[in-house]
Amino acid sequence: MPGFLMHVNAAIKCMHTATATIAPSQLRVLVSGQPVATMLSKIGVVGCPFQVPVGAGTKPQPCVIVKWAMPSTRFLVGGKPAALLPAPGPGPAACQSIEQIPQGFPTVSTVQLRVIGT
């Protein structure tokens, strides 16, 4: 399935509006002047306010990582599949808590729209 190549400065937010940041796993291949994100790139979430009700109170259960689920099958960067996005909006990924509990889908609002991979 074709999709836009993700880059490290793509604007990603968890469903609880916290910002996610892609750590570059390579610095040689660029799109729009930004390193291309590969499936090895770590996507961390900072400042997620999500809490779950527990008994009489709540337990913090913030999103801390995004697991991307759409690798390129043909476009490799340093031998690793590039991360693809079908279209801006909900991404093909899952936000997870520190306990690896799925928290929902992240939203990608800004991504380069020139380079498409499959």
PDB file of N, CA and C in Angstrom:
ATOM      1  N   MET A   1       0.848  -1.174   0.000  1.00  0.00           N
ATOM      2  CA  MET A   1       0.000   0.000   0.000  1.00  0.00           C
ATOM      3  C   MET A   1       0.895   1.239   0.000  1.00  0.00           C
ATOM      4  N   PRO A   2       0.697   2.167  -0.919  1.00  0.00           N
ATOM      5  CA  PRO A   2       1.539   3.360  -0.973  1.00  0.00           C
ATOM      6  C   PRO A   2       1.234   4.326   0.163  1.00  0.00           C
ATOM      7  N   GLY A   3       2.243   5.127   0.480  1.00  0.00           N
ATOM      8  CA  GLY A   3       2.071   6.130   1.518  1.00  0.00           C
ATOM      9  C   GLY A   3       3.199   7.143   1.472  1.00  0.00           C
ATOM     10  N   PHE A   4       3.014   8.255   2.151  1.00  0.00           N
ATOM     11  CA  PHE A   4       4.029   9.292   2.228  1.00  0.00           C
ATOM     12  C   PHE A   4       5.140   8.837   3.164  1.00  0.00           C
ATOM     13  N   LEU A   5       6.392   9.138   2.796  1.00  0.00           N
ATOM     14  CA  LEU A   5       7.502   8.820   3.674  1.00  0.00           C
ATOM     15  C   LEU A   5       7.453   9.733   4.895  1.00  0.00           C
ATOM     16  N   MET A   6       7.535   9.140   6.061  1.00  0.00           N
ATOM     17  CA  MET A   6       7.570   9.910   7.299  1.00  0.00           C
ATOM     18  C   MET A   6       8.968  10.491   7.478  1.00  0.00           C
ATOM     19  N   HIS A   7       9.051  11.660   8.075  1.00  0.00           N
ATOM     20  CA  HIS A   7      10.342  12.242   8.426  1.00  0.00           C
ATOM     21  C   HIS A   7      10.331  12.582   9.910  1.00  0.00           C
ATOM     22  N   VAL A   8      11.497  12.881  10.459  1.00  0.00           N
ATOM     23  CA  VAL A   8      11.615  13.026  11.906  1.00  0.00           C
ATOM     24  C   VAL A   8      10.907  14.255  12.473  1.00  0.00           C
ATOM     25  N   ASN A   9      10.547  15.222  11.656  1.00  0.00           N
ATOM     26  CA  ASN A   9       9.834  16.399  12.161  1.00  0.00           C
ATOM     27  C   ASN A   9       8.349  16.380  11.812  1.00  0.00           C
ATOM     28  N   ALA A  10       7.808  15.215  11.526  1.00  0.00           N
ATOM     29  CA  ALA A  10       6.364  15.103  11.299  1.00  0.00           C
ATOM     30  C   ALA A  10       5.658  15.445  12.609  1.00  0.00           C
ATOM     31  N   ALA A  11       4.540  16.166  12.520  1.00  0.00           N
ATOM     32  CA  ALA A  11       3.788  16.566  13.724  1.00  0.00           C
ATOM     33  C   ALA A  11       2.833  15.443  14.105  1.00  0.00           C
ATOM     34  N   ILE A  12       3.132  14.788  15.231  1.00  0.00           N
ATOM     35  CA  ILE A  12       2.348  13.645  15.702  1.00  0.00           C
ATOM     36  C   ILE A  12       1.855  13.942  17.110  1.00  0.00           C
ATOM     37  N   LYS A  13       0.601  13.599  17.374  1.00  0.00           N
ATOM     38  CA  LYS A  13       0.028  13.741  18.717  1.00  0.00           C
ATOM     39  C   LYS A  13      -0.711  12.455  19.070  1.00  0.00           C
ATOM     40  N   CYS A  14      -0.650  12.091  20.350  1.00  0.00           N
ATOM     41  CA  CYS A  14      -1.446  10.952  20.804  1.00  0.00           C
ATOM     42  C   CYS A  14      -2.905  11.409  20.872  1.00  0.00           C
ATOM     43  N   MET A  15      -3.813  10.492  21.071  1.00  0.00           N
ATOM     44  CA  MET A  15      -5.231  10.872  21.080  1.00  0.00           C
ATOM     45  C   MET A  15      -5.606  11.719  22.289  1.00  0.00           C
ATOM     46  N   HIS A  16      -4.676  11.864  23.238  1.00  0.00           N
ATOM     47  CA  HIS A  16      -4.908  12.704  24.412  1.00  0.00           C
ATOM     48  C   HIS A  16      -4.197  14.049  24.261  1.00  0.00           C
ATOM     49  N   THR A  17      -3.778  14.379  23.054  1.00  0.00           N
ATOM     50  CA  THR A  17      -3.164  15.644  22.601  1.00  0.00           C
ATOM     51  C   THR A  17      -1.730  15.866  23.053  1.00  0.00           C
ATOM     52  N   ALA A  18      -1.036  14.864  23.548  1.00  0.00           N
ATOM     53  CA  ALA A  18       0.382  15.016  23.886  1.00  0.00           C
ATOM     54  C   ALA A  18       1.220  14.881  22.614  1.00  0.00           C
ATOM     55  N   THR A  19       2.346  15.555  22.591  1.00  0.00           N
ATOM     56  CA  THR A  19       3.213  15.570  21.413  1.00  0.00           C
ATOM     57  C   THR A  19       4.125  14.352  21.384  1.00  0.00           C
ATOM     58  N   ALA A  20       4.238  13.756  20.193  1.00  0.00           N
ATOM     59  CA  ALA A  20       5.156  12.634  19.978  1.00  0.00           C
ATOM     60  C   ALA A  20       6.318  13.121  19.122  1.00  0.00           C
ATOM     61  N   THR A  21       7.500  12.604  19.401  1.00  0.00           N
ATOM     62  CA  THR A  21       8.710  13.007  18.693  1.00  0.00           C
ATOM     63  C   THR A  21       9.410  11.778  18.140  1.00  0.00           C
ATOM     64  N   ILE A  22       9.832  11.868  16.878  1.00  0.00           N
ATOM     65  CA  ILE A  22      10.541  10.765  16.238  1.00  0.00           C
ATOM     66  C   ILE A  22      12.041  10.995  16.398  1.00  0.00           C
ATOM     67  N   ALA A  23      12.733  10.040  16.980  1.00  0.00           N
ATOM     68  CA  ALA A  23      14.192  10.097  17.084  1.00  0.00           C
ATOM     69  C   ALA A  23      14.777   9.531  15.800  1.00  0.00           C
ATOM     70  N   PRO A  24      15.667  10.257  15.136  1.00  0.00           N
ATOM     71  CA  PRO A  24      16.211   9.754  13.868  1.00  0.00           C
ATOM     72  C   PRO A  24      17.063   8.503  14.071  1.00  0.00           C
ATOM     73  N   SER A  25      16.862   7.521  13.196  1.00  0.00           N
ATOM     74  CA  SER A  25      17.684   6.312  13.250  1.00  0.00           C
ATOM     75  C   SER A  25      18.745   6.344  12.156  1.00  0.00           C
ATOM     76  N   GLN A  26      18.671   7.341  11.283  1.00  0.00           N
ATOM     77  CA  GLN A  26      19.673   7.534  10.233  1.00  0.00           C
ATOM     78  C   GLN A  26      19.659   9.014   9.845  1.00  0.00           C
ATOM     79  N   LEU A  27      20.769   9.506   9.298  1.00  0.00           N
ATOM     80  CA  LEU A  27      20.867  10.922   8.953  1.00  0.00           C
ATOM     81  C   LEU A  27      21.267  11.158   7.497  1.00  0.00           C
ATOM     82  N   ARG A  28      21.340  10.103   6.684  1.00  0.00           N
ATOM     83  CA  ARG A  28      21.831  10.244   5.314  1.00  0.00           C
ATOM     84  C   ARG A  28      20.738  10.514   4.289  1.00  0.00           C
ATOM     85  N   VAL A  29      19.590   9.894   4.432  1.00  0.00           N
ATOM     86  CA  VAL A  29      18.520  10.044   3.450  1.00  0.00           C
ATOM     87  C   VAL A  29      17.523  11.075   3.968  1.00  0.00           C
ATOM     88  N   LEU A  30      17.291  12.121   3.156  1.00  0.00           N
ATOM     89  CA  LEU A  30      16.437  13.229   3.571  1.00  0.00           C
ATOM     90  C   LEU A  30      15.252  13.403   2.631  1.00  0.00           C
ATOM     91  N   VAL A  31      14.120  13.858   3.179  1.00  0.00           N
ATOM     92  CA  VAL A  31      12.984  14.341   2.393  1.00  0.00           C
ATOM     93  C   VAL A  31      12.604  15.691   2.977  1.00  0.00           C
ATOM     94  N   SER A  32      12.411  16.673   2.132  1.00  0.00           N
ATOM     95  CA  SER A  32      12.119  18.038   2.583  1.00  0.00           C
ATOM     96  C   SER A  32      13.156  18.510   3.608  1.00  0.00           C
ATOM     97  N   GLY A  33      14.406  18.082   3.451  1.00  0.00           N
ATOM     98  CA  GLY A  33      15.479  18.496   4.338  1.00  0.00           C
ATOM     99  C   GLY A  33      15.489  17.807   5.688  1.00  0.00           C
ATOM    100  N   GLN A  34      14.625  16.816   5.890  1.00  0.00           N
ATOM    101  CA  GLN A  34      14.520  16.116   7.171  1.00  0.00           C
ATOM    102  C   GLN A  34      14.892  14.644   6.984  1.00  0.00           C
ATOM    103  N   PRO A  35      15.562  14.028   7.980  1.00  0.00           N
ATOM    104  CA  PRO A  35      15.866  12.601   7.870  1.00  0.00           C
ATOM    105  C   PRO A  35      14.592  11.758   7.784  1.00  0.00           C
ATOM    106  N   VAL A  36      14.628  10.762   6.917  1.00  0.00           N
ATOM    107  CA  VAL A  36      13.502   9.835   6.763  1.00  0.00           C
ATOM    108  C   VAL A  36      13.425   8.947   8.001  1.00  0.00           C
ATOM    109  N   ALA A  37      12.219   8.728   8.502  1.00  0.00           N
ATOM    110  CA  ALA A  37      12.014   7.827   9.638  1.00  0.00           C
ATOM    111  C   ALA A  37      11.942   6.399   9.126  1.00  0.00           C
ATOM    112  N   THR A  38      12.627   5.504   9.810  1.00  0.00           N
ATOM    113  CA  THR A  38      12.556   4.092   9.464  1.00  0.00           C
ATOM    114  C   THR A  38      11.749   3.371  10.529  1.00  0.00           C
ATOM    115  N   MET A  39      11.514   2.095  10.314  1.00  0.00           N
ATOM    116  CA  MET A  39      10.764   1.319  11.294  1.00  0.00           C
ATOM    117  C   MET A  39      11.574   1.118  12.585  1.00  0.00           C
ATOM    118  N   LEU A  40      12.873   1.446  12.569  1.00  0.00           N
ATOM    119  CA  LEU A  40      13.683   1.372  13.785  1.00  0.00           C
ATOM    120  C   LEU A  40      13.668   2.681  14.564  1.00  0.00           C
ATOM    121  N   SER A  41      13.119   3.736  13.983  1.00  0.00           N
ATOM    122  CA  SER A  41      13.057   5.024  14.668  1.00  0.00           C
ATOM    123  C   SER A  41      12.145   4.922  15.885  1.00  0.00           C
ATOM    124  N   LYS A  42      12.608   5.433  17.002  1.00  0.00           N
ATOM    125  CA  LYS A  42      11.802   5.445  18.227  1.00  0.00           C
ATOM    126  C   LYS A  42      10.896   6.670  18.201  1.00  0.00           C
ATOM    127  N   ILE A  43       9.628   6.469  18.514  1.00  0.00           N
ATOM    128  CA  ILE A  43       8.670   7.572  18.574  1.00  0.00           C
ATOM    129  C   ILE A  43       8.197   7.670  20.016  1.00  0.00           C
ATOM    130  N   GLY A  44       8.671   8.687  20.713  1.00  0.00           N
ATOM    131  CA  GLY A  44       8.336   8.874  22.118  1.00  0.00           C
ATOM    132  C   GLY A  44       7.262   9.924  22.305  1.00  0.00           C
ATOM    133  N   VAL A  45       6.451   9.766  23.342  1.00  0.00           N
ATOM    134  CA  VAL A  45       5.372  10.705  23.666  1.00  0.00           C
ATOM    135  C   VAL A  45       5.712  11.351  25.010  1.00  0.00           C
ATOM    136  N   VAL A  46       5.552  12.668  25.070  1.00  0.00           N
ATOM    137  CA  VAL A  46       5.861  13.407  26.298  1.00  0.00           C
ATOM    138  C   VAL A  46       4.638  14.209  26.733  1.00  0.00           C
ATOM    139  N   GLY A  47       4.295  14.119  28.001  1.00  0.00           N
ATOM    140  CA  GLY A  47       3.241  14.958  28.570  1.00  0.00           C
ATOM    141  C   GLY A  47       1.821  14.474  28.380  1.00  0.00           C
ATOM    142  N   CYS A  48       1.619  13.187  28.169  1.00  0.00           N
ATOM    143  CA  CYS A  48       0.255  12.670  28.006  1.00  0.00           C
ATOM    144  C   CYS A  48      -0.459  12.699  29.366  1.00  0.00           C
ATOM    145  N   PRO A  49      -1.658  13.292  29.436  1.00  0.00           N
ATOM    146  CA  PRO A  49      -2.356  13.427  30.714  1.00  0.00           C
ATOM    147  C   PRO A  49      -3.303  12.274  31.055  1.00  0.00           C
ATOM    148  N   PHE A  50      -3.352  11.227  30.241  1.00  0.00           N
ATOM    149  CA  PHE A  50      -4.364  10.186  30.396  1.00  0.00           C
ATOM    150  C   PHE A  50      -4.247   9.467  31.740  1.00  0.00           C
ATOM    151  N   GLN A  51      -5.400   9.251  32.390  1.00  0.00           N
ATOM    152  CA  GLN A  51      -5.482   8.498  33.639  1.00  0.00           C
ATOM    153  C   GLN A  51      -6.677   7.560  33.563  1.00  0.00           C
ATOM    154  N   VAL A  52      -6.575   6.422  34.235  1.00  0.00           N
ATOM    155  CA  VAL A  52      -7.682   5.463  34.272  1.00  0.00           C
ATOM    156  C   VAL A  52      -8.268   5.427  35.679  1.00  0.00           C
ATOM    157  N   PRO A  53      -9.593   5.264  35.788  1.00  0.00           N
ATOM    158  CA  PRO A  53     -10.188   5.173  37.123  1.00  0.00           C
ATOM    159  C   PRO A  53      -9.814   3.848  37.790  1.00  0.00           C
ATOM    160  N   VAL A  54      -9.421   3.929  39.049  1.00  0.00           N
ATOM    161  CA  VAL A  54      -9.066   2.741  39.832  1.00  0.00           C
ATOM    162  C   VAL A  54      -9.668   2.926  41.215  1.00  0.00           C
ATOM    163  N   GLY A  55     -10.632   2.090  41.549  1.00  0.00           N
ATOM    164  CA  GLY A  55     -11.262   2.193  42.862  1.00  0.00           C
ATOM    165  C   GLY A  55     -11.862   3.574  43.076  1.00  0.00           C
ATOM    166  N   ALA A  56     -11.401   4.267  44.120  1.00  0.00           N
ATOM    167  CA  ALA A  56     -11.922   5.591  44.443  1.00  0.00           C
ATOM    168  C   ALA A  56     -11.096   6.705  43.803  1.00  0.00           C
ATOM    169  N   GLY A  57     -10.013   6.369  43.121  1.00  0.00           N
ATOM    170  CA  GLY A  57      -9.149   7.400  42.542  1.00  0.00           C
ATOM    171  C   GLY A  57      -8.827   7.118  41.089  1.00  0.00           C
ATOM    172  N   THR A  58      -7.678   7.600  40.666  1.00  0.00           N
ATOM    173  CA  THR A  58      -7.222   7.364  39.297  1.00  0.00           C
ATOM    174  C   THR A  58      -5.770   6.923  39.310  1.00  0.00           C
ATOM    175  N   LYS A  59      -5.372   6.257  38.237  1.00  0.00           N
ATOM    176  CA  LYS A  59      -3.989   5.821  38.066  1.00  0.00           C
ATOM    177  C   LYS A  59      -3.467   6.450  36.787  1.00  0.00           C
ATOM    178  N   PRO A  60      -2.336   7.150  36.839  1.00  0.00           N
ATOM    179  CA  PRO A  60      -1.762   7.686  35.604  1.00  0.00           C
ATOM    180  C   PRO A  60      -1.435   6.550  34.638  1.00  0.00           C
ATOM    181  N   GLN A  61      -1.855   6.697  33.415  1.00  0.00           N
ATOM    182  CA  GLN A  61      -1.617   5.691  32.373  1.00  0.00           C
ATOM    183  C   GLN A  61      -1.261   6.427  31.069  1.00  0.00           C
ATOM    184  N   PRO A  62      -0.230   7.275  31.093  1.00  0.00           N
ATOM    185  CA  PRO A  62       0.057   8.101  29.922  1.00  0.00           C
ATOM    186  C   PRO A  62       0.619   7.302  28.757  1.00  0.00           C
ATOM    187  N   CYS A  63       0.394   7.813  27.566  1.00  0.00           N
ATOM    188  CA  CYS A  63       1.041   7.271  26.375  1.00  0.00           C
ATOM    189  C   CYS A  63       2.522   7.634  26.479  1.00  0.00           C
ATOM    190  N   VAL A  64       3.428   6.690  26.210  1.00  0.00           N
ATOM    191  CA  VAL A  64       4.855   6.974  26.272  1.00  0.00           C
ATOM    192  C   VAL A  64       5.589   6.616  24.984  1.00  0.00           C
ATOM    193  N   ILE A  65       4.969   5.781  24.159  1.00  0.00           N
ATOM    194  CA  ILE A  65       5.618   5.361  22.919  1.00  0.00           C
ATOM    195  C   ILE A  65       4.564   5.124  21.848  1.00  0.00           C
ATOM    196  N   VAL A  66       4.965   5.289  20.597  1.00  0.00           N
ATOM    197  CA  VAL A  66       4.096   4.997  19.458  1.00  0.00           C
ATOM    198  C   VAL A  66       4.744   3.858  18.681  1.00  0.00           C
ATOM    199  N   LYS A  67       4.007   2.798  18.470  1.00  0.00           N
ATOM    200  CA  LYS A  67       4.479   1.656  17.668  1.00  0.00           C
ATOM    201  C   LYS A  67       3.917   1.813  16.258  1.00  0.00           C
ATOM    202  N   TRP A  68       4.790   2.138  15.285  1.00  0.00           N
ATOM    203  CA  TRP A  68       4.350   2.354  13.905  1.00  0.00           C
ATOM    204  C   TRP A  68       4.109   1.012  13.244  1.00  0.00           C
ATOM    205  N   ALA A  69       3.088   0.928  12.388  1.00  0.00           N
ATOM    206  CA  ALA A  69       2.693  -0.367  11.821  1.00  0.00           C
ATOM    207  C   ALA A  69       2.609  -0.389  10.300  1.00  0.00           C
ATOM    208  N   MET A  70       3.207   0.605   9.616  1.00  0.00           N
ATOM    209  CA  MET A  70       3.137   0.603   8.159  1.00  0.00           C
ATOM    210  C   MET A  70       4.533   0.757   7.566  1.00  0.00           C
ATOM    211  N   PRO A  71       5.269  -0.366   7.425  1.00  0.00           N
ATOM    212  CA  PRO A  71       6.593  -0.288   6.814  1.00  0.00           C
ATOM    213  C   PRO A  71       6.503  -0.304   5.293  1.00  0.00           C
ATOM    214  N   SER A  72       7.483   0.302   4.662  1.00  0.00           N
ATOM    215  CA  SER A  72       7.579   0.224   3.209  1.00  0.00           C
ATOM    216  C   SER A  72       8.093  -1.161   2.845  1.00  0.00           C
ATOM    217  N   THR A  73       7.569  -1.726   1.778  1.00  0.00           N
ATOM    218  CA  THR A  73       8.051  -3.035   1.328  1.00  0.00           C
ATOM    219  C   THR A  73       9.125  -2.897   0.252  1.00  0.00           C
ATOM    220  N   ARG A  74       9.238  -1.712  -0.361  1.00  0.00           N
ATOM    221  CA  ARG A  74      10.195  -1.510  -1.447  1.00  0.00           C
ATOM    222  C   ARG A  74      11.252  -0.451  -1.159  1.00  0.00           C
ATOM    223  N   PHE A  75      10.965   0.495  -0.288  1.00  0.00           N
ATOM    224  CA  PHE A  75      11.879   1.603  -0.034  1.00  0.00           C
ATOM    225  C   PHE A  75      12.632   1.343   1.268  1.00  0.00           C
ATOM    226  N   LEU A  76      13.918   1.020   1.153  1.00  0.00           N
ATOM    227  CA  LEU A  76      14.736   0.743   2.323  1.00  0.00           C
ATOM    228  C   LEU A  76      15.739   1.876   2.523  1.00  0.00           C
ATOM    229  N   VAL A  77      15.982   2.217   3.764  1.00  0.00           N
ATOM    230  CA  VAL A  77      16.959   3.237   4.125  1.00  0.00           C
ATOM    231  C   VAL A  77      17.992   2.558   5.016  1.00  0.00           C
ATOM    232  N   GLY A  78      19.203   2.416   4.492  1.00  0.00           N
ATOM    233  CA  GLY A  78      20.228   1.709   5.257  1.00  0.00           C
ATOM    234  C   GLY A  78      19.839   0.267   5.524  1.00  0.00           C
ATOM    235  N   GLY A  79      19.081  -0.326   4.618  1.00  0.00           N
ATOM    236  CA  GLY A  79      18.644  -1.709   4.771  1.00  0.00           C
ATOM    237  C   GLY A  79      17.422  -1.895   5.645  1.00  0.00           C
ATOM    238  N   LYS A  80      16.869  -0.808   6.175  1.00  0.00           N
ATOM    239  CA  LYS A  80      15.687  -0.867   7.036  1.00  0.00           C
ATOM    240  C   LYS A  80      14.494  -0.259   6.319  1.00  0.00           C
ATOM    241  N   PRO A  81      13.293  -0.820   6.483  1.00  0.00           N
ATOM    242  CA  PRO A  81      12.111  -0.267   5.809  1.00  0.00           C
ATOM    243  C   PRO A  81      11.781   1.138   6.324  1.00  0.00           C
ATOM    244  N   ALA A  82      11.435   2.021   5.396  1.00  0.00           N
ATOM    245  CA  ALA A  82      10.992   3.363   5.763  1.00  0.00           C
ATOM    246  C   ALA A  82       9.591   3.282   6.358  1.00  0.00           C
ATOM    247  N   ALA A  83       9.266   4.226   7.243  1.00  0.00           N
ATOM    248  CA  ALA A  83       7.922   4.307   7.825  1.00  0.00           C
ATOM    249  C   ALA A  83       7.044   5.109   6.870  1.00  0.00           C
ATOM    250  N   LEU A  84       5.857   4.589   6.577  1.00  0.00           N
ATOM    251  CA  LEU A  84       4.934   5.239   5.649  1.00  0.00           C
ATOM    252  C   LEU A  84       3.667   5.699   6.354  1.00  0.00           C
ATOM    253  N   LEU A  85       3.045   6.717   5.781  1.00  0.00           N
ATOM    254  CA  LEU A  85       1.771   7.247   6.270  1.00  0.00           C
ATOM    255  C   LEU A  85       0.821   7.321   5.083  1.00  0.00           C
ATOM    256  N   PRO A  86      -0.352   6.641   5.120  1.00  0.00           N
ATOM    257  CA  PRO A  86      -1.251   6.656   3.967  1.00  0.00           C
ATOM    258  C   PRO A  86      -1.791   8.042   3.637  1.00  0.00           C
ATOM    259  N   ALA A  87      -2.092   8.849   4.656  1.00  0.00           N
ATOM    260  CA  ALA A  87      -2.597  10.216   4.469  1.00  0.00           C
ATOM    261  C   ALA A  87      -2.535  10.923   5.814  1.00  0.00           C
ATOM    262  N   PRO A  88      -2.420  12.252   5.824  1.00  0.00           N
ATOM    263  CA  PRO A  88      -2.466  12.948   7.112  1.00  0.00           C
ATOM    264  C   PRO A  88      -3.770  12.623   7.846  1.00  0.00           C
ATOM    265  N   GLY A  89      -3.687  12.510   9.146  1.00  0.00           N
ATOM    266  CA  GLY A  89      -4.838  12.132   9.969  1.00  0.00           C
ATOM    267  C   GLY A  89      -4.439  11.004  10.894  1.00  0.00           C
ATOM    268  N   PRO A  90      -5.379  10.128  11.250  1.00  0.00           N
ATOM    269  CA  PRO A  90      -5.029   9.002  12.117  1.00  0.00           C
ATOM    270  C   PRO A  90      -3.953   8.138  11.461  1.00  0.00           C
ATOM    271  N   GLY A  91      -2.912   7.860  12.200  1.00  0.00           N
ATOM    272  CA  GLY A  91      -1.800   7.093  11.652  1.00  0.00           C
ATOM    273  C   GLY A  91      -1.955   5.604  11.845  1.00  0.00           C
ATOM    274  N   PRO A  92      -1.264   4.816  11.014  1.00  0.00           N
ATOM    275  CA  PRO A  92      -1.299   3.360  11.153  1.00  0.00           C
ATOM    276  C   PRO A  92      -0.351   2.929  12.275  1.00  0.00           C
ATOM    277  N   ALA A  93      -0.742   3.243  13.485  1.00  0.00           N
ATOM    278  CA  ALA A  93       0.120   2.988  14.638  1.00  0.00           C
ATOM    279  C   ALA A  93      -0.745   2.878  15.887  1.00  0.00           C
ATOM    280  N   ALA A  94      -0.093   2.553  16.998  1.00  0.00           N
ATOM    281  CA  ALA A  94      -0.791   2.491  18.282  1.00  0.00           C
ATOM    282  C   ALA A  94       0.061   3.175  19.340  1.00  0.00           C
ATOM    283  N   CYS A  95      -0.557   4.067  20.087  1.00  0.00           N
ATOM    284  CA  CYS A  95       0.104   4.659  21.251  1.00  0.00           C
ATOM    285  C   CYS A  95       0.021   3.630  22.369  1.00  0.00           C
ATOM    286  N   GLN A  96       1.104   3.528  23.146  1.00  0.00           N
ATOM    287  CA  GLN A  96       1.126   2.550  24.226  1.00  0.00           C
ATOM    288  C   GLN A  96       1.623   3.190  25.517  1.00  0.00           C
ATOM    289  N   SER A  97       1.122   2.662  26.641  1.00  0.00           N
ATOM    290  CA  SER A  97       1.582   3.101  27.952  1.00  0.00           C
ATOM    291  C   SER A  97       2.887   2.383  28.277  1.00  0.00           C
ATOM    292  N   ILE A  98       3.467   2.705  29.409  1.00  0.00           N
ATOM    293  CA  ILE A  98       4.701   2.053  29.843  1.00  0.00           C
ATOM    294  C   ILE A  98       4.491   0.552  30.032  1.00  0.00           C
ATOM    295  N   GLU A  99       3.244   0.151  30.312  1.00  0.00           N
ATOM    296  CA  GLU A  99       2.900  -1.266  30.475  1.00  0.00           C
ATOM    297  C   GLU A  99       2.530  -1.916  29.142  1.00  0.00           C
ATOM    298  N   GLN A 100       2.745  -1.190  28.040  1.00  0.00           N
ATOM    299  CA  GLN A 100       2.451  -1.625  26.675  1.00  0.00           C
ATOM    300  C   GLN A 100       0.976  -1.879  26.437  1.00  0.00           C
ATOM    301  N   ILE A 101       0.133  -1.126  27.119  1.00  0.00           N
ATOM    302  CA  ILE A 101      -1.308  -1.204  26.914  1.00  0.00           C
ATOM    303  C   ILE A 101      -1.670  -0.235  25.792  1.00  0.00           C
ATOM    304  N   PRO A 102      -2.337  -0.690  24.723  1.00  0.00           N
ATOM    305  CA  PRO A 102      -2.721   0.212  23.642  1.00  0.00           C
ATOM    306  C   PRO A 102      -3.659   1.309  24.145  1.00  0.00           C
ATOM    307  N   GLN A 103      -3.388   2.550  23.743  1.00  0.00           N
ATOM    308  CA  GLN A 103      -4.155   3.697  24.205  1.00  0.00           C
ATOM    309  C   GLN A 103      -4.943   4.374  23.082  1.00  0.00           C
ATOM    310  N   GLY A 104      -4.789   3.935  21.859  1.00  0.00           N
ATOM    311  CA  GLY A 104      -5.483   4.561  20.736  1.00  0.00           C
ATOM    312  C   GLY A 104      -4.515   4.902  19.619  1.00  0.00           C
ATOM    313  N   PHE A 105      -5.035   5.578  18.615  1.00  0.00           N
ATOM    314  CA  PHE A 105      -4.253   5.906  17.424  1.00  0.00           C
ATOM    315  C   PHE A 105      -3.712   7.327  17.495  1.00  0.00           C
ATOM    316  N   PRO A 106      -2.464   7.534  17.060  1.00  0.00           N
ATOM    317  CA  PRO A 106      -1.937   8.892  17.007  1.00  0.00           C
ATOM    318  C   PRO A 106      -2.478   9.621  15.773  1.00  0.00           C
ATOM    319  N   THR A 107      -2.409  10.947  15.817  1.00  0.00           N
ATOM    320  CA  THR A 107      -2.816  11.767  14.685  1.00  0.00           C
ATOM    321  C   THR A 107      -1.594  12.467  14.125  1.00  0.00           C
ATOM    322  N   VAL A 108      -1.432  12.400  12.821  1.00  0.00           N
ATOM    323  CA  VAL A 108      -0.319  13.072  12.152  1.00  0.00           C
ATOM    324  C   VAL A 108      -0.905  14.253  11.388  1.00  0.00           C
ATOM    325  N   SER A 109      -0.483  15.461  11.747  1.00  0.00           N
ATOM    326  CA  SER A 109      -1.057  16.652  11.114  1.00  0.00           C
ATOM    327  C   SER A 109      -0.115  17.276  10.092  1.00  0.00           C
ATOM    328  N   THR A 110       1.195  17.102  10.236  1.00  0.00           N
ATOM    329  CA  THR A 110       2.134  17.677   9.291  1.00  0.00           C
ATOM    330  C   THR A 110       3.110  16.610   8.859  1.00  0.00           C
ATOM    331  N   VAL A 111       3.189  16.391   7.566  1.00  0.00           N
ATOM    332  CA  VAL A 111       4.136  15.434   6.988  1.00  0.00           C
ATOM    333  C   VAL A 111       4.440  15.926   5.575  1.00  0.00           C
ATOM    334  N   GLN A 112       5.595  15.540   5.049  1.00  0.00           N
ATOM    335  CA  GLN A 112       5.931  15.949   3.682  1.00  0.00           C
ATOM    336  C   GLN A 112       4.978  15.240   2.715  1.00  0.00           C
ATOM    337  N   LEU A 113       4.586  15.913   1.653  1.00  0.00           N
ATOM    338  CA  LEU A 113       3.614  15.345   0.703  1.00  0.00           C
ATOM    339  C   LEU A 113       4.178  15.158  -0.696  1.00  0.00           C
ATOM    340  N   ARG A 114       5.502  15.119  -0.833  1.00  0.00           N
ATOM    341  CA  ARG A 114       6.112  14.996  -2.154  1.00  0.00           C
ATOM    342  C   ARG A 114       6.563  13.588  -2.488  1.00  0.00           C
ATOM    343  N   VAL A 115       7.111  12.862  -1.517  1.00  0.00           N
ATOM    344  CA  VAL A 115       7.697  11.549  -1.789  1.00  0.00           C
ATOM    345  C   VAL A 115       6.780  10.461  -1.286  1.00  0.00           C
ATOM    346  N   ILE A 116       6.397   9.568  -2.194  1.00  0.00           N
ATOM    347  CA  ILE A 116       5.510   8.458  -1.869  1.00  0.00           C
ATOM    348  C   ILE A 116       6.279   7.157  -2.058  1.00  0.00           C
ATOM    349  N   GLY A 117       6.151   6.267  -1.085  1.00  0.00           N
ATOM    350  CA  GLY A 117       6.786   4.961  -1.170  1.00  0.00           C
ATOM    351  C   GLY A 117       5.742   3.855  -1.116  1.00  0.00           C
ATOM    352  N   THR A 118       6.180   2.657  -1.448  1.00  0.00           N
ATOM    353  CA  THR A 118       5.294   1.498  -1.347  1.00  0.00           C
ATOM    354  C   THR A 118       5.936   0.422  -0.513  1.00  0.00           C
TER     355      THR A 118
END
